[in-house]
Amino acid sequence: MKIAIIGATGTIGQRLVQEGLRRKYEITAATRDSSKIDKNTERLQGISVNVLDPISVEAVVAGHDVVINAFGPQFGNEGELIEAASAVVEGMKRAGVQRLLVVGGAGSLEVEPGVRLMDTPDFPAEIRPLAQAHVDAYEIYSQSDLDWTYVSPASWIEPGKRTGNFRIGTNRLVTDDDGASRISIEDYAAALFDEVEDPLFTRTRFTVAY
């Protein structure tokens, strides 16, 4: 299986590349600057992409079985997340590639019926623009004709260990017995690739946490 990962040098993108290689897939790592990709790694190809340009996206994803969009904007440029969503959808349609998995946000997950995490009093105000951009991008994916899956992390995600042990939810934030919601990026990547191999959430969303 050939998989294109957009945003492959980001904090999450790097772990997705590692997980894909671990599972013996052919990985195309697409990023703004392909010189950052280790070209000596077997089954890994580095390529430059402008994720805001559907023609650039088309050129990168053509011939692949699956696309993973792990693009994350810099602080203050949250609107690029929405532009990227449109460009990825259009570029994939142009290239005739149907299967898309998206590294999403946790802010729109519900903490109780009708109440999103991003609307709770303790949600950091400085992160709300990014959370809203994720909401707007989700709408673009959900209205497309692609076979998309939106993968929301726990509310706290950081580098750590790959345990292979985690829980899956849908639209509700997954928390542990202490009320915490967390996941390592390595286990997030494992859950996302589990969905690549055994699609259970096509044209919908799921979330992963301990």
N, C-alpha and C. Protein backbone atom coordinates (compact mmCIF):
# COMPACT_ATOMS: atom_id res chain seq x y z
N MET A 1 0.84 -1.19 0.00
CA MET A 1 0.00 0.00 0.00
C MET A 1 0.88 1.25 0.00
N LYS A 2 0.52 2.21 -0.82
CA LYS A 2 1.25 3.47 -0.91
C LYS A 2 0.47 4.56 -0.18
N ILE A 3 1.13 5.22 0.76
CA ILE A 3 0.48 6.20 1.61
C ILE A 3 1.22 7.52 1.53
N ALA A 4 0.51 8.60 1.26
CA ALA A 4 1.08 9.94 1.26
C ALA A 4 0.71 10.62 2.57
N ILE A 5 1.72 11.16 3.26
CA ILE A 5 1.49 11.86 4.52
C ILE A 5 1.86 13.32 4.33
N ILE A 6 0.87 14.19 4.39
CA ILE A 6 1.07 15.63 4.25
C ILE A 6 1.34 16.21 5.64
N GLY A 7 2.37 17.05 5.74
CA GLY A 7 2.78 17.57 7.05
C GLY A 7 3.66 16.57 7.77
N ALA A 8 4.51 15.89 7.01
CA ALA A 8 5.25 14.73 7.52
C ALA A 8 6.38 15.08 8.47
N THR A 9 6.79 16.34 8.54
CA THR A 9 7.89 16.70 9.45
C THR A 9 7.39 17.36 10.73
N GLY A 10 6.09 17.48 10.89
CA GLY A 10 5.54 18.02 12.12
C GLY A 10 5.67 17.02 13.26
N THR A 11 5.32 17.46 14.44
CA THR A 11 5.46 16.60 15.62
C THR A 11 4.65 15.32 15.49
N ILE A 12 3.43 15.43 15.01
CA ILE A 12 2.60 14.24 14.79
C ILE A 12 2.97 13.57 13.48
N GLY A 13 3.24 14.35 12.45
CA GLY A 13 3.58 13.79 11.14
C GLY A 13 4.78 12.87 11.19
N GLN A 14 5.79 13.24 11.96
CA GLN A 14 6.98 12.39 12.07
C GLN A 14 6.64 11.02 12.64
N ARG A 15 5.78 10.99 13.65
CA ARG A 15 5.40 9.71 14.26
C ARG A 15 4.52 8.89 13.32
N LEU A 16 3.73 9.57 12.50
CA LEU A 16 2.94 8.85 11.50
C LEU A 16 3.84 8.19 10.47
N VAL A 17 4.87 8.91 10.04
CA VAL A 17 5.83 8.32 9.10
C VAL A 17 6.48 7.09 9.73
N GLN A 18 6.91 7.20 10.97
CA GLN A 18 7.56 6.08 11.66
C GLN A 18 6.62 4.88 11.78
N GLU A 19 5.35 5.14 12.10
CA GLU A 19 4.39 4.05 12.23
C GLU A 19 4.12 3.38 10.89
N GLY A 20 4.02 4.19 9.84
CA GLY A 20 3.80 3.62 8.51
C GLY A 20 4.96 2.76 8.06
N LEU A 21 6.17 3.22 8.31
CA LEU A 21 7.35 2.42 7.96
C LEU A 21 7.42 1.17 8.82
N ARG A 22 7.05 1.28 10.06
CA ARG A 22 7.02 0.12 10.97
C ARG A 22 6.12 -0.97 10.42
N ARG A 23 5.04 -0.56 9.75
CA ARG A 23 4.07 -1.51 9.20
C ARG A 23 4.38 -1.88 7.75
N LYS A 24 5.56 -1.48 7.29
CA LYS A 24 6.09 -1.90 5.98
C LYS A 24 5.36 -1.28 4.80
N TYR A 25 4.75 -0.11 4.98
CA TYR A 25 4.13 0.57 3.85
C TYR A 25 5.13 1.42 3.09
N GLU A 26 4.79 1.73 1.84
CA GLU A 26 5.56 2.70 1.07
C GLU A 26 5.02 4.09 1.43
N ILE A 27 5.88 4.93 1.96
CA ILE A 27 5.45 6.22 2.47
C ILE A 27 6.04 7.35 1.63
N THR A 28 5.17 8.26 1.20
CA THR A 28 5.60 9.52 0.61
C THR A 28 5.41 10.60 1.66
N ALA A 29 6.51 11.16 2.14
CA ALA A 29 6.47 12.19 3.18
C ALA A 29 6.47 13.55 2.50
N ALA A 30 5.35 14.25 2.57
CA ALA A 30 5.20 15.53 1.89
C ALA A 30 5.24 16.66 2.90
N THR A 31 6.06 17.66 2.62
CA THR A 31 6.23 18.79 3.52
C THR A 31 6.69 20.00 2.72
N ARG A 32 6.72 21.17 3.37
CA ARG A 32 7.16 22.37 2.66
C ARG A 32 8.59 22.23 2.16
N ASP A 33 9.43 21.61 2.97
CA ASP A 33 10.85 21.49 2.65
C ASP A 33 11.25 20.01 2.71
N SER A 34 11.34 19.37 1.55
CA SER A 34 11.61 17.94 1.51
C SER A 34 13.04 17.60 1.92
N SER A 35 13.92 18.60 2.05
CA SER A 35 15.29 18.32 2.48
C SER A 35 15.33 17.83 3.93
N LYS A 36 14.24 18.02 4.66
CA LYS A 36 14.18 17.58 6.05
C LYS A 36 13.87 16.08 6.16
N ILE A 37 13.57 15.44 5.04
CA ILE A 37 13.20 14.03 5.05
C ILE A 37 14.45 13.17 4.88
N ASP A 38 14.57 12.12 5.68
CA ASP A 38 15.69 11.19 5.59
C ASP A 38 15.51 10.30 4.35
N LYS A 39 16.20 10.64 3.29
CA LYS A 39 16.01 9.93 2.02
C LYS A 39 16.75 8.60 1.97
N ASN A 40 17.51 8.29 3.02
CA ASN A 40 18.23 7.02 3.04
C ASN A 40 17.39 5.89 3.65
N THR A 41 16.20 6.22 4.10
CA THR A 41 15.33 5.22 4.71
C THR A 41 14.59 4.44 3.63
N GLU A 42 14.60 3.12 3.77
CA GLU A 42 13.92 2.27 2.80
C GLU A 42 12.41 2.50 2.85
N ARG A 43 11.79 2.49 1.68
CA ARG A 43 10.34 2.66 1.50
C ARG A 43 9.86 4.06 1.82
N LEU A 44 10.78 5.04 1.91
CA LEU A 44 10.40 6.41 2.21
C LEU A 44 10.86 7.35 1.12
N GLN A 45 9.92 8.13 0.59
CA GLN A 45 10.23 9.15 -0.41
C GLN A 45 9.84 10.51 0.15
N GLY A 46 10.72 11.47 0.06
CA GLY A 46 10.42 12.84 0.47
C GLY A 46 10.06 13.70 -0.72
N ILE A 47 9.07 14.55 -0.55
CA ILE A 47 8.63 15.41 -1.64
C ILE A 47 8.09 16.72 -1.06
N SER A 48 8.29 17.80 -1.81
CA SER A 48 7.78 19.10 -1.37
C SER A 48 6.34 19.28 -1.81
N VAL A 49 5.55 19.95 -0.98
CA VAL A 49 4.16 20.22 -1.31
C VAL A 49 3.76 21.59 -0.77
N ASN A 50 2.91 22.27 -1.50
CA ASN A 50 2.23 23.46 -1.00
C ASN A 50 0.81 23.04 -0.67
N VAL A 51 0.55 22.80 0.59
CA VAL A 51 -0.73 22.22 1.01
C VAL A 51 -1.90 23.18 0.79
N LEU A 52 -1.61 24.43 0.46
CA LEU A 52 -2.68 25.40 0.20
C LEU A 52 -3.02 25.46 -1.28
N ASP A 53 -2.33 24.68 -2.10
CA ASP A 53 -2.51 24.69 -3.56
C ASP A 53 -3.00 23.32 -4.02
N PRO A 54 -4.24 23.21 -4.50
CA PRO A 54 -4.76 21.90 -4.90
C PRO A 54 -3.97 21.25 -6.03
N ILE A 55 -3.35 22.04 -6.90
CA ILE A 55 -2.56 21.46 -7.99
C ILE A 55 -1.31 20.81 -7.43
N SER A 56 -0.69 21.46 -6.44
CA SER A 56 0.47 20.87 -5.79
C SER A 56 0.08 19.59 -5.06
N VAL A 57 -1.05 19.62 -4.36
CA VAL A 57 -1.53 18.43 -3.66
C VAL A 57 -1.80 17.31 -4.65
N GLU A 58 -2.44 17.63 -5.75
CA GLU A 58 -2.73 16.63 -6.78
C GLU A 58 -1.46 15.91 -7.23
N ALA A 59 -0.41 16.68 -7.49
CA ALA A 59 0.84 16.10 -7.97
C ALA A 59 1.46 15.15 -6.95
N VAL A 60 1.29 15.48 -5.68
CA VAL A 60 1.89 14.68 -4.61
C VAL A 60 1.11 13.39 -4.36
N VAL A 61 -0.21 13.46 -4.35
CA VAL A 61 -1.02 12.31 -3.93
C VAL A 61 -1.36 11.36 -5.07
N ALA A 62 -1.17 11.77 -6.30
CA ALA A 62 -1.52 10.91 -7.44
C ALA A 62 -0.80 9.56 -7.33
N GLY A 63 -1.56 8.49 -7.57
CA GLY A 63 -0.97 7.16 -7.53
C GLY A 63 -0.90 6.52 -6.16
N HIS A 64 -1.40 7.19 -5.13
CA HIS A 64 -1.38 6.64 -3.77
C HIS A 64 -2.73 6.01 -3.43
N ASP A 65 -2.69 5.09 -2.49
CA ASP A 65 -3.91 4.42 -2.04
C ASP A 65 -4.61 5.20 -0.93
N VAL A 66 -3.82 5.85 -0.11
CA VAL A 66 -4.34 6.56 1.07
C VAL A 66 -3.57 7.86 1.24
N VAL A 67 -4.28 8.91 1.66
CA VAL A 67 -3.65 10.18 2.02
C VAL A 67 -3.94 10.45 3.49
N ILE A 68 -2.92 10.86 4.23
CA ILE A 68 -3.09 11.30 5.61
C ILE A 68 -2.71 12.77 5.68
N ASN A 69 -3.65 13.60 6.10
CA ASN A 69 -3.37 15.03 6.21
C ASN A 69 -3.06 15.37 7.67
N ALA A 70 -1.77 15.58 7.94
CA ALA A 70 -1.32 15.93 9.28
C ALA A 70 -0.84 17.39 9.35
N PHE A 71 -1.25 18.19 8.37
CA PHE A 71 -0.82 19.58 8.34
C PHE A 71 -1.35 20.35 9.56
N GLY A 72 -0.45 21.12 10.18
CA GLY A 72 -0.84 22.00 11.27
C GLY A 72 -0.27 23.38 11.04
N PRO A 73 -1.08 24.42 11.12
CA PRO A 73 -0.60 25.78 10.86
C PRO A 73 0.21 26.32 12.03
N GLN A 74 1.01 27.31 11.76
CA GLN A 74 1.72 28.01 12.83
C GLN A 74 0.74 28.88 13.61
N PHE A 75 1.10 29.15 14.85
CA PHE A 75 0.25 29.98 15.69
C PHE A 75 0.01 31.34 15.03
N GLY A 76 -1.24 31.73 14.94
CA GLY A 76 -1.60 32.98 14.30
C GLY A 76 -2.04 32.82 12.86
N ASN A 77 -1.78 31.64 12.29
CA ASN A 77 -2.18 31.37 10.90
C ASN A 77 -3.22 30.25 10.85
N GLU A 78 -4.12 30.27 11.82
CA GLU A 78 -5.09 29.17 11.93
C GLU A 78 -5.96 29.02 10.67
N GLY A 79 -6.18 30.13 9.97
CA GLY A 79 -7.00 30.07 8.76
C GLY A 79 -6.43 29.16 7.69
N GLU A 80 -5.12 28.93 7.74
CA GLU A 80 -4.50 28.03 6.76
C GLU A 80 -5.02 26.61 6.89
N LEU A 81 -5.50 26.24 8.06
CA LEU A 81 -6.05 24.90 8.25
C LEU A 81 -7.28 24.70 7.38
N ILE A 82 -8.08 25.74 7.24
CA ILE A 82 -9.29 25.68 6.42
C ILE A 82 -8.91 25.68 4.94
N GLU A 83 -7.96 26.54 4.57
CA GLU A 83 -7.48 26.56 3.19
C GLU A 83 -6.91 25.21 2.79
N ALA A 84 -6.15 24.61 3.70
CA ALA A 84 -5.53 23.32 3.42
C ALA A 84 -6.59 22.24 3.23
N ALA A 85 -7.64 22.28 4.03
CA ALA A 85 -8.71 21.29 3.90
C ALA A 85 -9.32 21.35 2.50
N SER A 86 -9.60 22.55 2.03
CA SER A 86 -10.17 22.71 0.69
C SER A 86 -9.21 22.23 -0.38
N ALA A 87 -7.93 22.58 -0.23
CA ALA A 87 -6.93 22.20 -1.23
C ALA A 87 -6.72 20.69 -1.26
N VAL A 88 -6.70 20.05 -0.09
CA VAL A 88 -6.52 18.60 -0.04
C VAL A 88 -7.71 17.88 -0.69
N VAL A 89 -8.90 18.31 -0.36
CA VAL A 89 -10.09 17.69 -0.96
C VAL A 89 -10.08 17.85 -2.47
N GLU A 90 -9.81 19.06 -2.94
CA GLU A 90 -9.80 19.31 -4.39
C GLU A 90 -8.65 18.57 -5.05
N GLY A 91 -7.47 18.59 -4.46
CA GLY A 91 -6.32 17.91 -5.04
C GLY A 91 -6.53 16.41 -5.14
N MET A 92 -7.13 15.81 -4.13
CA MET A 92 -7.40 14.38 -4.17
C MET A 92 -8.44 14.05 -5.23
N LYS A 93 -9.46 14.87 -5.37
CA LYS A 93 -10.46 14.64 -6.41
C LYS A 93 -9.82 14.72 -7.79
N ARG A 94 -8.93 15.68 -7.99
CA ARG A 94 -8.24 15.81 -9.27
C ARG A 94 -7.38 14.58 -9.56
N ALA A 95 -6.77 14.04 -8.50
CA ALA A 95 -5.86 12.90 -8.66
C ALA A 95 -6.58 11.55 -8.69
N GLY A 96 -7.86 11.55 -8.35
CA GLY A 96 -8.62 10.31 -8.34
C GLY A 96 -8.29 9.42 -7.15
N VAL A 97 -7.87 10.02 -6.05
CA VAL A 97 -7.57 9.28 -4.82
C VAL A 97 -8.73 9.49 -3.85
N GLN A 98 -9.25 8.41 -3.28
CA GLN A 98 -10.50 8.48 -2.54
C GLN A 98 -10.36 8.46 -1.03
N ARG A 99 -9.34 7.77 -0.52
CA ARG A 99 -9.27 7.52 0.93
C ARG A 99 -8.41 8.56 1.64
N LEU A 100 -9.01 9.26 2.62
CA LEU A 100 -8.35 10.33 3.35
C LEU A 100 -8.54 10.14 4.85
N LEU A 101 -7.44 10.26 5.60
CA LEU A 101 -7.51 10.33 7.06
C LEU A 101 -6.93 11.67 7.49
N VAL A 102 -7.60 12.31 8.44
CA VAL A 102 -7.24 13.66 8.85
C VAL A 102 -6.85 13.68 10.32
N VAL A 103 -5.69 14.27 10.60
CA VAL A 103 -5.31 14.54 11.98
C VAL A 103 -6.11 15.74 12.44
N GLY A 104 -7.10 15.50 13.29
CA GLY A 104 -8.02 16.55 13.67
C GLY A 104 -7.75 17.13 15.04
N GLY A 105 -8.72 17.86 15.55
CA GLY A 105 -8.62 18.48 16.86
C GLY A 105 -9.57 17.84 17.85
N ALA A 106 -9.35 18.15 19.12
CA ALA A 106 -10.20 17.61 20.18
C ALA A 106 -11.27 18.60 20.65
N GLY A 107 -11.12 19.86 20.29
CA GLY A 107 -12.00 20.89 20.83
C GLY A 107 -13.46 20.71 20.55
N SER A 108 -13.81 20.09 19.43
CA SER A 108 -15.21 19.93 19.08
C SER A 108 -15.83 18.65 19.64
N LEU A 109 -15.04 17.84 20.36
CA LEU A 109 -15.60 16.67 21.03
C LEU A 109 -16.50 17.11 22.18
N GLU A 110 -17.56 16.37 22.41
CA GLU A 110 -18.48 16.71 23.49
C GLU A 110 -17.98 16.19 24.83
N VAL A 111 -18.14 17.00 25.86
CA VAL A 111 -17.84 16.55 27.22
C VAL A 111 -19.11 16.10 27.93
N GLU A 112 -20.23 16.56 27.42
CA GLU A 112 -21.56 16.10 27.81
C GLU A 112 -22.49 16.46 26.66
N PRO A 113 -23.66 15.88 26.59
CA PRO A 113 -24.53 16.13 25.43
C PRO A 113 -24.72 17.61 25.13
N GLY A 114 -24.34 18.00 23.92
CA GLY A 114 -24.52 19.38 23.48
C GLY A 114 -23.48 20.36 23.95
N VAL A 115 -22.48 19.91 24.71
CA VAL A 115 -21.43 20.81 25.22
C VAL A 115 -20.07 20.34 24.70
N ARG A 116 -19.43 21.18 23.88
CA ARG A 116 -18.14 20.83 23.32
C ARG A 116 -17.02 21.23 24.29
N LEU A 117 -15.92 20.50 24.19
CA LEU A 117 -14.75 20.82 25.01
C LEU A 117 -14.33 22.27 24.84
N MET A 118 -14.35 22.78 23.60
CA MET A 118 -13.89 24.14 23.33
C MET A 118 -14.80 25.21 23.92
N ASP A 119 -16.00 24.82 24.35
CA ASP A 119 -16.93 25.78 24.92
C ASP A 119 -16.95 25.75 26.44
N THR A 120 -16.12 24.92 27.05
CA THR A 120 -16.07 24.85 28.50
C THR A 120 -15.24 26.01 29.06
N PRO A 121 -15.51 26.44 30.28
CA PRO A 121 -14.83 27.63 30.83
C PRO A 121 -13.32 27.49 30.92
N ASP A 122 -12.82 26.27 31.13
CA ASP A 122 -11.38 26.09 31.32
C ASP A 122 -10.60 25.92 30.02
N PHE A 123 -11.30 25.92 28.89
CA PHE A 123 -10.60 25.75 27.62
C PHE A 123 -9.77 27.01 27.35
N PRO A 124 -8.47 26.87 27.06
CA PRO A 124 -7.60 28.05 26.89
C PRO A 124 -8.07 28.96 25.76
N ALA A 125 -8.22 30.23 26.07
CA ALA A 125 -8.71 31.19 25.08
C ALA A 125 -7.79 31.29 23.88
N GLU A 126 -6.48 31.14 24.10
CA GLU A 126 -5.53 31.29 23.00
C GLU A 126 -5.61 30.15 21.99
N ILE A 127 -6.24 29.05 22.39
CA ILE A 127 -6.35 27.90 21.49
C ILE A 127 -7.69 27.88 20.76
N ARG A 128 -8.63 28.71 21.19
CA ARG A 128 -9.96 28.70 20.58
C ARG A 128 -9.94 28.96 19.07
N PRO A 129 -9.12 29.91 18.56
CA PRO A 129 -9.09 30.10 17.10
C PRO A 129 -8.69 28.84 16.34
N LEU A 130 -7.74 28.09 16.88
CA LEU A 130 -7.34 26.84 16.23
C LEU A 130 -8.46 25.80 16.32
N ALA A 131 -9.11 25.73 17.48
CA ALA A 131 -10.22 24.78 17.63
C ALA A 131 -11.34 25.11 16.65
N GLN A 132 -11.64 26.39 16.47
CA GLN A 132 -12.68 26.78 15.53
C GLN A 132 -12.27 26.46 14.09
N ALA A 133 -10.98 26.65 13.79
CA ALA A 133 -10.50 26.31 12.45
C ALA A 133 -10.64 24.82 12.19
N HIS A 134 -10.39 24.00 13.20
CA HIS A 134 -10.60 22.56 13.05
C HIS A 134 -12.08 22.26 12.79
N VAL A 135 -12.97 22.95 13.47
CA VAL A 135 -14.41 22.77 13.25
C VAL A 135 -14.77 23.09 11.80
N ASP A 136 -14.27 24.22 11.31
CA ASP A 136 -14.57 24.65 9.94
C ASP A 136 -13.98 23.69 8.91
N ALA A 137 -12.76 23.20 9.20
CA ALA A 137 -12.14 22.24 8.29
C ALA A 137 -12.91 20.93 8.27
N TYR A 138 -13.38 20.51 9.44
CA TYR A 138 -14.18 19.28 9.53
C TYR A 138 -15.40 19.36 8.60
N GLU A 139 -16.03 20.51 8.56
CA GLU A 139 -17.20 20.69 7.71
C GLU A 139 -16.84 20.49 6.23
N ILE A 140 -15.66 20.95 5.85
CA ILE A 140 -15.22 20.78 4.46
C ILE A 140 -15.03 19.31 4.14
N TYR A 141 -14.38 18.58 5.03
CA TYR A 141 -14.18 17.14 4.80
C TYR A 141 -15.52 16.41 4.77
N SER A 142 -16.39 16.73 5.72
CA SER A 142 -17.65 15.99 5.83
C SER A 142 -18.60 16.24 4.66
N GLN A 143 -18.43 17.37 3.98
CA GLN A 143 -19.27 17.67 2.83
C GLN A 143 -18.68 17.18 1.52
N SER A 144 -17.49 16.58 1.58
CA SER A 144 -16.84 16.09 0.37
C SER A 144 -17.36 14.70 0.02
N ASP A 145 -16.99 14.25 -1.18
CA ASP A 145 -17.37 12.91 -1.63
C ASP A 145 -16.26 11.90 -1.36
N LEU A 146 -15.22 12.30 -0.64
CA LEU A 146 -14.12 11.39 -0.34
C LEU A 146 -14.52 10.39 0.74
N ASP A 147 -13.78 9.30 0.81
CA ASP A 147 -13.94 8.35 1.92
C ASP A 147 -13.01 8.83 3.04
N TRP A 148 -13.49 9.79 3.80
CA TRP A 148 -12.67 10.46 4.80
C TRP A 148 -12.91 9.88 6.19
N THR A 149 -11.90 10.00 7.03
CA THR A 149 -12.02 9.70 8.46
C THR A 149 -11.28 10.78 9.22
N TYR A 150 -11.95 11.37 10.18
CA TYR A 150 -11.40 12.46 10.98
C TYR A 150 -11.01 11.88 12.34
N VAL A 151 -9.72 11.99 12.68
CA VAL A 151 -9.21 11.34 13.89
C VAL A 151 -8.87 12.41 14.94
N SER A 152 -9.72 12.52 15.96
CA SER A 152 -9.50 13.48 17.03
C SER A 152 -8.65 12.85 18.13
N PRO A 153 -7.65 13.56 18.61
CA PRO A 153 -6.85 13.04 19.73
C PRO A 153 -7.57 13.27 21.05
N ALA A 154 -6.95 12.81 22.12
CA ALA A 154 -7.38 13.21 23.45
C ALA A 154 -7.12 14.70 23.63
N SER A 155 -7.61 15.26 24.72
CA SER A 155 -7.40 16.70 24.93
C SER A 155 -5.94 17.02 25.19
N TRP A 156 -5.17 16.03 25.68
CA TRP A 156 -3.74 16.21 25.90
C TRP A 156 -2.99 15.15 25.11
N ILE A 157 -2.18 15.59 24.14
CA ILE A 157 -1.40 14.68 23.31
C ILE A 157 0.04 15.17 23.28
N GLU A 158 0.98 14.25 23.51
CA GLU A 158 2.39 14.62 23.55
C GLU A 158 3.23 13.40 23.21
N PRO A 159 4.50 13.61 22.83
CA PRO A 159 5.38 12.48 22.56
C PRO A 159 5.49 11.57 23.78
N GLY A 160 5.61 10.28 23.52
CA GLY A 160 5.71 9.32 24.62
C GLY A 160 6.01 7.93 24.10
N LYS A 161 5.45 6.94 24.75
CA LYS A 161 5.69 5.55 24.37
C LYS A 161 4.57 5.03 23.48
N ARG A 162 4.93 4.05 22.65
CA ARG A 162 3.93 3.32 21.86
C ARG A 162 3.57 2.06 22.63
N THR A 163 2.40 2.04 23.24
CA THR A 163 1.98 0.88 24.02
C THR A 163 1.05 -0.04 23.24
N GLY A 164 0.32 0.52 22.29
CA GLY A 164 -0.68 -0.25 21.57
C GLY A 164 -1.95 -0.46 22.36
N ASN A 165 -2.03 0.14 23.53
CA ASN A 165 -3.21 0.00 24.40
C ASN A 165 -3.89 1.35 24.55
N PHE A 166 -5.11 1.46 24.07
CA PHE A 166 -5.85 2.71 24.14
C PHE A 166 -7.33 2.40 23.91
N ARG A 167 -8.15 3.41 24.14
CA ARG A 167 -9.58 3.26 23.93
C ARG A 167 -10.04 4.17 22.78
N ILE A 168 -11.08 3.73 22.12
CA ILE A 168 -11.64 4.45 20.99
C ILE A 168 -13.03 4.96 21.34
N GLY A 169 -13.29 6.21 20.95
CA GLY A 169 -14.63 6.78 21.11
C GLY A 169 -15.08 7.38 19.80
N THR A 170 -16.22 8.06 19.82
CA THR A 170 -16.73 8.68 18.59
C THR A 170 -16.77 10.20 18.75
N ASN A 171 -17.87 10.74 19.23
CA ASN A 171 -17.99 12.20 19.34
C ASN A 171 -17.81 12.71 20.77
N ARG A 172 -17.59 11.82 21.70
CA ARG A 172 -17.46 12.19 23.11
C ARG A 172 -16.00 12.08 23.54
N LEU A 173 -15.50 13.08 24.27
CA LEU A 173 -14.14 13.06 24.78
C LEU A 173 -13.96 11.83 25.68
N VAL A 174 -12.92 11.05 25.42
CA VAL A 174 -12.63 9.87 26.22
C VAL A 174 -11.73 10.26 27.38
N THR A 175 -12.16 9.93 28.59
CA THR A 175 -11.39 10.26 29.80
C THR A 175 -11.16 9.00 30.63
N ASP A 176 -10.14 9.07 31.50
CA ASP A 176 -9.86 7.95 32.39
C ASP A 176 -10.64 8.12 33.70
N ASP A 177 -10.37 7.25 34.66
CA ASP A 177 -11.12 7.27 35.92
C ASP A 177 -10.91 8.56 36.70
N ASP A 178 -9.81 9.26 36.43
CA ASP A 178 -9.53 10.53 37.12
C ASP A 178 -10.04 11.73 36.35
N GLY A 179 -10.71 11.49 35.21
CA GLY A 179 -11.24 12.57 34.40
C GLY A 179 -10.26 13.16 33.42
N ALA A 180 -9.05 12.58 33.34
CA ALA A 180 -8.03 13.08 32.41
C ALA A 180 -8.23 12.46 31.03
N SER A 181 -7.88 13.22 30.01
CA SER A 181 -7.96 12.75 28.63
C SER A 181 -6.60 12.96 27.99
N ARG A 182 -5.89 11.86 27.74
CA ARG A 182 -4.54 11.99 27.21
C ARG A 182 -4.20 10.81 26.31
N ILE A 183 -3.19 11.02 25.47
CA ILE A 183 -2.70 9.98 24.58
C ILE A 183 -1.28 10.36 24.15
N SER A 184 -0.43 9.39 23.96
CA SER A 184 0.87 9.68 23.36
C SER A 184 0.70 9.81 21.86
N ILE A 185 1.57 10.58 21.23
CA ILE A 185 1.49 10.72 19.77
C ILE A 185 1.75 9.37 19.12
N GLU A 186 2.61 8.57 19.72
CA GLU A 186 2.93 7.26 19.16
C GLU A 186 1.70 6.34 19.15
N ASP A 187 0.91 6.35 20.21
CA ASP A 187 -0.30 5.53 20.24
C ASP A 187 -1.40 6.13 19.37
N TYR A 188 -1.43 7.45 19.27
CA TYR A 188 -2.36 8.10 18.33
C TYR A 188 -2.07 7.62 16.91
N ALA A 189 -0.78 7.61 16.55
CA ALA A 189 -0.39 7.15 15.21
C ALA A 189 -0.77 5.69 15.01
N ALA A 190 -0.61 4.88 16.04
CA ALA A 190 -0.97 3.46 15.93
C ALA A 190 -2.47 3.31 15.68
N ALA A 191 -3.28 4.09 16.40
CA ALA A 191 -4.73 4.02 16.22
C ALA A 191 -5.14 4.47 14.82
N LEU A 192 -4.48 5.51 14.33
CA LEU A 192 -4.81 6.00 12.99
C LEU A 192 -4.47 4.94 11.94
N PHE A 193 -3.33 4.28 12.08
CA PHE A 193 -2.97 3.26 11.10
C PHE A 193 -3.80 1.99 11.25
N ASP A 194 -4.31 1.73 12.45
CA ASP A 194 -5.28 0.64 12.59
C ASP A 194 -6.49 0.90 11.71
N GLU A 195 -6.90 2.16 11.65
CA GLU A 195 -8.04 2.54 10.82
C GLU A 195 -7.70 2.44 9.34
N VAL A 196 -6.46 2.73 8.97
CA VAL A 196 -6.03 2.54 7.59
C VAL A 196 -6.19 1.08 7.18
N GLU A 197 -5.78 0.19 8.07
CA GLU A 197 -5.79 -1.24 7.75
C GLU A 197 -7.17 -1.87 7.85
N ASP A 198 -7.98 -1.38 8.77
CA ASP A 198 -9.31 -1.95 8.99
C ASP A 198 -10.32 -0.82 9.18
N PRO A 199 -10.81 -0.24 8.09
CA PRO A 199 -11.67 0.94 8.17
C PRO A 199 -13.00 0.64 8.89
N LEU A 200 -13.19 1.32 9.99
CA LEU A 200 -14.43 1.20 10.76
C LEU A 200 -15.18 2.52 10.84
N PHE A 201 -14.52 3.61 10.47
CA PHE A 201 -15.10 4.94 10.67
C PHE A 201 -15.06 5.76 9.38
N THR A 202 -15.39 5.15 8.26
CA THR A 202 -15.40 5.86 6.99
C THR A 202 -16.52 6.90 6.97
N ARG A 203 -16.16 8.11 6.58
CA ARG A 203 -17.06 9.26 6.50
C ARG A 203 -17.66 9.62 7.87
N THR A 204 -16.83 9.47 8.87
CA THR A 204 -17.21 9.90 10.22
C THR A 204 -15.93 10.16 11.02
N ARG A 205 -16.09 10.34 12.32
CA ARG A 205 -14.97 10.69 13.17
C ARG A 205 -14.82 9.66 14.30
N PHE A 206 -13.58 9.48 14.75
CA PHE A 206 -13.37 8.78 16.00
C PHE A 206 -12.28 9.48 16.79
N THR A 207 -12.18 9.15 18.06
CA THR A 207 -11.19 9.73 18.94
C THR A 207 -10.50 8.62 19.71
N VAL A 208 -9.28 8.91 20.16
CA VAL A 208 -8.47 7.89 20.83
C VAL A 208 -7.85 8.49 22.09
N ALA A 209 -7.89 7.74 23.18
CA ALA A 209 -7.30 8.18 24.45
C ALA A 209 -7.08 6.96 25.33
N TYR A 210 -6.35 7.13 26.41
CA TYR A 210 -6.13 6.04 27.36
C TYR A 210 -7.35 5.87 28.27
